[in-house]
Amino acid sequence: MASDERKIRGEKQIDENLKRVYEEVVNEEIPDRFKDLLSQLKSQSDDDGSDVSR
């Protein structure tokens, strides 16, 4: 019984840590180099009339 409780606590701790790390990654700022690349791609698509927002 104590083994089951320990397993459940361990799984809960793993879940909480994974959720915390995921939230940190989701809330990270996009690096400037990626913003620059996206801007360049948008500029190129605007120039040739393509729509990259699909």
PDB file of N, CA and C in Angstrom:
ATOM      1  N   MET A   1       0.822  -1.197   0.000  1.00  0.00           N
ATOM      2  CA  MET A   1       0.000   0.000   0.000  1.00  0.00           C
ATOM      3  C   MET A   1       0.861   1.254   0.000  1.00  0.00           C
ATOM      4  N   ALA A   2       1.878   1.279   0.884  1.00  0.00           N
ATOM      5  CA  ALA A   2       2.768   2.443   0.936  1.00  0.00           C
ATOM      6  C   ALA A   2       3.505   2.603  -0.383  1.00  0.00           C
ATOM      7  N   SER A   3       3.803   1.497  -1.034  1.00  0.00           N
ATOM      8  CA  SER A   3       4.478   1.522  -2.327  1.00  0.00           C
ATOM      9  C   SER A   3       3.600   2.205  -3.370  1.00  0.00           C
ATOM     10  N   ASP A   4       2.289   1.893  -3.351  1.00  0.00           N
ATOM     11  CA  ASP A   4       1.356   2.518  -4.285  1.00  0.00           C
ATOM     12  C   ASP A   4       1.266   4.022  -4.056  1.00  0.00           C
ATOM     13  N   GLU A   5       1.225   4.430  -2.794  1.00  0.00           N
ATOM     14  CA  GLU A   5       1.147   5.854  -2.470  1.00  0.00           C
ATOM     15  C   GLU A   5       2.406   6.573  -2.930  1.00  0.00           C
ATOM     16  N   ARG A   6       3.557   5.948  -2.733  1.00  0.00           N
ATOM     17  CA  ARG A   6       4.821   6.543  -3.148  1.00  0.00           C
ATOM     18  C   ARG A   6       4.853   6.686  -4.675  1.00  0.00           C
ATOM     19  N   LYS A   7       4.351   5.670  -5.371  1.00  0.00           N
ATOM     20  CA  LYS A   7       4.300   5.703  -6.828  1.00  0.00           C
ATOM     21  C   LYS A   7       3.393   6.836  -7.299  1.00  0.00           C
ATOM     22  N   ILE A   8       2.240   6.980  -6.676  1.00  0.00           N
ATOM     23  CA  ILE A   8       1.290   8.035  -7.042  1.00  0.00           C
ATOM     24  C   ILE A   8       1.907   9.412  -6.791  1.00  0.00           C
ATOM     25  N   ARG A   9       2.573   9.573  -5.635  1.00  0.00           N
ATOM     26  CA  ARG A   9       3.228  10.854  -5.334  1.00  0.00           C
ATOM     27  C   ARG A   9       4.316  11.148  -6.361  1.00  0.00           C
ATOM     28  N   GLY A  10       5.073  10.127  -6.727  1.00  0.00           N
ATOM     29  CA  GLY A  10       6.130  10.297  -7.721  1.00  0.00           C
ATOM     30  C   GLY A  10       5.569  10.703  -9.073  1.00  0.00           C
ATOM     31  N   GLU A  11       4.490  10.061  -9.478  1.00  0.00           N
ATOM     32  CA  GLU A  11       3.851  10.393 -10.752  1.00  0.00           C
ATOM     33  C   GLU A  11       3.293  11.813 -10.723  1.00  0.00           C
ATOM     34  N   LYS A  12       2.719  12.194  -9.589  1.00  0.00           N
ATOM     35  CA  LYS A  12       2.167  13.545  -9.462  1.00  0.00           C
ATOM     36  C   LYS A  12       3.287  14.587  -9.558  1.00  0.00           C
ATOM     37  N   GLN A  13       4.414  14.304  -8.919  1.00  0.00           N
ATOM     38  CA  GLN A  13       5.544  15.228  -8.963  1.00  0.00           C
ATOM     39  C   GLN A  13       6.079  15.343 -10.386  1.00  0.00           C
ATOM     40  N   ILE A  14       6.167  14.228 -11.084  1.00  0.00           N
ATOM     41  CA  ILE A  14       6.609  14.248 -12.482  1.00  0.00           C
ATOM     42  C   ILE A  14       5.644  15.078 -13.320  1.00  0.00           C
ATOM     43  N   ASP A  15       4.343  14.859 -13.153  1.00  0.00           N
ATOM     44  CA  ASP A  15       3.325  15.635 -13.883  1.00  0.00           C
ATOM     45  C   ASP A  15       3.488  17.126 -13.632  1.00  0.00           C
ATOM     46  N   GLU A  16       3.642  17.504 -12.371  1.00  0.00           N
ATOM     47  CA  GLU A  16       3.771  18.920 -12.028  1.00  0.00           C
ATOM     48  C   GLU A  16       5.029  19.527 -12.651  1.00  0.00           C
ATOM     49  N   ASN A  17       6.137  18.783 -12.604  1.00  0.00           N
ATOM     50  CA  ASN A  17       7.386  19.290 -13.182  1.00  0.00           C
ATOM     51  C   ASN A  17       7.281  19.432 -14.698  1.00  0.00           C
ATOM     52  N   LEU A  18       6.661  18.450 -15.349  1.00  0.00           N
ATOM     53  CA  LEU A  18       6.496  18.533 -16.798  1.00  0.00           C
ATOM     54  C   LEU A  18       5.615  19.718 -17.179  1.00  0.00           C
ATOM     55  N   LYS A  19       4.540  19.932 -16.436  1.00  0.00           N
ATOM     56  CA  LYS A  19       3.655  21.068 -16.709  1.00  0.00           C
ATOM     57  C   LYS A  19       4.390  22.391 -16.513  1.00  0.00           C
ATOM     58  N   ARG A  20       5.200  22.476 -15.458  1.00  0.00           N
ATOM     59  CA  ARG A  20       5.947  23.704 -15.178  1.00  0.00           C
ATOM     60  C   ARG A  20       6.932  23.996 -16.304  1.00  0.00           C
ATOM     61  N   VAL A  21       7.676  22.977 -16.721  1.00  0.00           N
ATOM     62  CA  VAL A  21       8.661  23.164 -17.785  1.00  0.00           C
ATOM     63  C   VAL A  21       7.962  23.537 -19.093  1.00  0.00           C
ATOM     64  N   TYR A  22       6.852  22.880 -19.390  1.00  0.00           N
ATOM     65  CA  TYR A  22       6.094  23.191 -20.604  1.00  0.00           C
ATOM     66  C   TYR A  22       5.634  24.641 -20.592  1.00  0.00           C
ATOM     67  N   GLU A  23       5.080  25.089 -19.479  1.00  0.00           N
ATOM     68  CA  GLU A  23       4.622  26.477 -19.367  1.00  0.00           C
ATOM     69  C   GLU A  23       5.770  27.458 -19.572  1.00  0.00           C
ATOM     70  N   GLU A  24       6.936  27.149 -19.026  1.00  0.00           N
ATOM     71  CA  GLU A  24       8.096  28.019 -19.201  1.00  0.00           C
ATOM     72  C   GLU A  24       8.466  28.131 -20.670  1.00  0.00           C
ATOM     73  N   VAL A  25       8.455  27.012 -21.379  1.00  0.00           N
ATOM     74  CA  VAL A  25       8.822  27.018 -22.796  1.00  0.00           C
ATOM     75  C   VAL A  25       7.777  27.771 -23.614  1.00  0.00           C
ATOM     76  N   VAL A  26       6.509  27.534 -23.326  1.00  0.00           N
ATOM     77  CA  VAL A  26       5.436  28.195 -24.061  1.00  0.00           C
ATOM     78  C   VAL A  26       5.509  29.711 -23.887  1.00  0.00           C
ATOM     79  N   ASN A  27       5.896  30.156 -22.709  1.00  0.00           N
ATOM     80  CA  ASN A  27       5.913  31.585 -22.409  1.00  0.00           C
ATOM     81  C   ASN A  27       7.228  32.273 -22.763  1.00  0.00           C
ATOM     82  N   GLU A  28       8.180  31.524 -23.326  1.00  0.00           N
ATOM     83  CA  GLU A  28       9.448  32.133 -23.716  1.00  0.00           C
ATOM     84  C   GLU A  28       9.241  33.087 -24.883  1.00  0.00           C
ATOM     85  N   GLU A  29      10.032  34.127 -24.897  1.00  0.00           N
ATOM     86  CA  GLU A  29      10.027  35.087 -25.999  1.00  0.00           C
ATOM     87  C   GLU A  29      10.638  34.424 -27.230  1.00  0.00           C
ATOM     88  N   ILE A  30      10.106  34.749 -28.401  1.00  0.00           N
ATOM     89  CA  ILE A  30      10.692  34.236 -29.641  1.00  0.00           C
ATOM     90  C   ILE A  30      12.026  34.945 -29.851  1.00  0.00           C
ATOM     91  N   PRO A  31      13.097  34.184 -30.125  1.00  0.00           N
ATOM     92  CA  PRO A  31      14.409  34.803 -30.333  1.00  0.00           C
ATOM     93  C   PRO A  31      14.380  35.807 -31.496  1.00  0.00           C
ATOM     94  N   ASP A  32      15.173  36.860 -31.368  1.00  0.00           N
ATOM     95  CA  ASP A  32      15.214  37.902 -32.397  1.00  0.00           C
ATOM     96  C   ASP A  32      15.558  37.340 -33.771  1.00  0.00           C
ATOM     97  N   ARG A  33      16.448  36.360 -33.823  1.00  0.00           N
ATOM     98  CA  ARG A  33      16.833  35.818 -35.133  1.00  0.00           C
ATOM     99  C   ARG A  33      15.653  35.151 -35.822  1.00  0.00           C
ATOM    100  N   PHE A  34      14.740  34.550 -35.049  1.00  0.00           N
ATOM    101  CA  PHE A  34      13.551  33.950 -35.651  1.00  0.00           C
ATOM    102  C   PHE A  34      12.564  35.029 -36.089  1.00  0.00           C
ATOM    103  N   LYS A  35      12.442  36.064 -35.289  1.00  0.00           N
ATOM    104  CA  LYS A  35      11.570  37.187 -35.678  1.00  0.00           C
ATOM    105  C   LYS A  35      12.069  37.801 -36.970  1.00  0.00           C
ATOM    106  N   ASP A  36      13.404  37.971 -37.076  1.00  0.00           N
ATOM    107  CA  ASP A  36      13.987  38.528 -38.295  1.00  0.00           C
ATOM    108  C   ASP A  36      13.717  37.627 -39.494  1.00  0.00           C
ATOM    109  N   LEU A  37      13.883  36.316 -39.300  1.00  0.00           N
ATOM    110  CA  LEU A  37      13.636  35.365 -40.375  1.00  0.00           C
ATOM    111  C   LEU A  37      12.173  35.405 -40.806  1.00  0.00           C
ATOM    112  N   LEU A  38      11.262  35.438 -39.847  1.00  0.00           N
ATOM    113  CA  LEU A  38       9.836  35.519 -40.175  1.00  0.00           C
ATOM    114  C   LEU A  38       9.516  36.798 -40.934  1.00  0.00           C
ATOM    115  N   SER A  39      10.143  37.877 -40.539  1.00  0.00           N
ATOM    116  CA  SER A  39       9.950  39.151 -41.227  1.00  0.00           C
ATOM    117  C   SER A  39      10.449  39.072 -42.670  1.00  0.00           C
ATOM    118  N   GLN A  40      11.607  38.459 -42.857  1.00  0.00           N
ATOM    119  CA  GLN A  40      12.153  38.299 -44.211  1.00  0.00           C
ATOM    120  C   GLN A  40      11.232  37.430 -45.067  1.00  0.00           C
ATOM    121  N   LEU A  41      10.747  36.345 -44.503  1.00  0.00           N
ATOM    122  CA  LEU A  41       9.849  35.456 -45.249  1.00  0.00           C
ATOM    123  C   LEU A  41       8.551  36.168 -45.606  1.00  0.00           C
ATOM    124  N   LYS A  42       8.025  36.949 -44.668  1.00  0.00           N
ATOM    125  CA  LYS A  42       6.800  37.690 -44.938  1.00  0.00           C
ATOM    126  C   LYS A  42       7.033  38.714 -46.044  1.00  0.00           C
ATOM    127  N   SER A  43       8.165  39.377 -45.985  1.00  0.00           N
ATOM    128  CA  SER A  43       8.519  40.374 -46.997  1.00  0.00           C
ATOM    129  C   SER A  43       8.612  39.721 -48.378  1.00  0.00           C
ATOM    130  N   GLN A  44       9.239  38.552 -48.440  1.00  0.00           N
ATOM    131  CA  GLN A  44       9.371  37.845 -49.716  1.00  0.00           C
ATOM    132  C   GLN A  44       8.008  37.423 -50.239  1.00  0.00           C
ATOM    133  N   SER A  45       7.145  36.959 -49.362  1.00  0.00           N
ATOM    134  CA  SER A  45       5.830  36.514 -49.814  1.00  0.00           C
ATOM    135  C   SER A  45       4.976  37.705 -50.251  1.00  0.00           C
ATOM    136  N   ASP A  46       5.166  38.844 -49.598  1.00  0.00           N
ATOM    137  CA  ASP A  46       4.444  40.047 -50.009  1.00  0.00           C
ATOM    138  C   ASP A  46       4.904  40.501 -51.387  1.00  0.00           C
ATOM    139  N   ASP A  47       6.193  40.342 -51.655  1.00  0.00           N
ATOM    140  CA  ASP A  47       6.755  40.762 -52.937  1.00  0.00           C
ATOM    141  C   ASP A  47       6.249  39.911 -54.096  1.00  0.00           C
ATOM    142  N   ASP A  48       6.057  38.612 -53.869  1.00  0.00           N
ATOM    143  CA  ASP A  48       5.627  37.737 -54.971  1.00  0.00           C
ATOM    144  C   ASP A  48       4.131  37.420 -54.921  1.00  0.00           C
ATOM    145  N   GLY A  49       3.429  37.988 -53.952  1.00  0.00           N
ATOM    146  CA  GLY A  49       1.987  37.809 -53.870  1.00  0.00           C
ATOM    147  C   GLY A  49       1.550  36.521 -53.203  1.00  0.00           C
ATOM    148  N   SER A  50       2.491  35.766 -52.663  1.00  0.00           N
ATOM    149  CA  SER A  50       2.149  34.522 -51.976  1.00  0.00           C
ATOM    150  C   SER A  50       1.489  34.819 -50.648  1.00  0.00           C
ATOM    151  N   ASP A  51       0.746  33.830 -50.158  1.00  0.00           N
ATOM    152  CA  ASP A  51       0.106  33.950 -48.845  1.00  0.00           C
ATOM    153  C   ASP A  51       0.662  32.857 -47.947  1.00  0.00           C
ATOM    154  N   VAL A  52       1.534  33.236 -46.983  1.00  0.00           N
ATOM    155  CA  VAL A  52       2.135  32.249 -46.087  1.00  0.00           C
ATOM    156  C   VAL A  52       1.307  32.052 -44.822  1.00  0.00           C
ATOM    157  N   SER A  53       0.167  32.689 -44.706  1.00  0.00           N
ATOM    158  CA  SER A  53      -0.635  32.599 -43.481  1.00  0.00           C
ATOM    159  C   SER A  53      -1.558  31.390 -43.485  1.00  0.00           C
ATOM    160  N   ARG A  54      -1.480  30.530 -44.484  1.00  0.00           N
ATOM    161  CA  ARG A  54      -2.347  29.355 -44.553  1.00  0.00           C
ATOM    162  C   ARG A  54      -2.146  28.472 -43.423  1.00  0.00           C
TER     163      ARG A  54
END
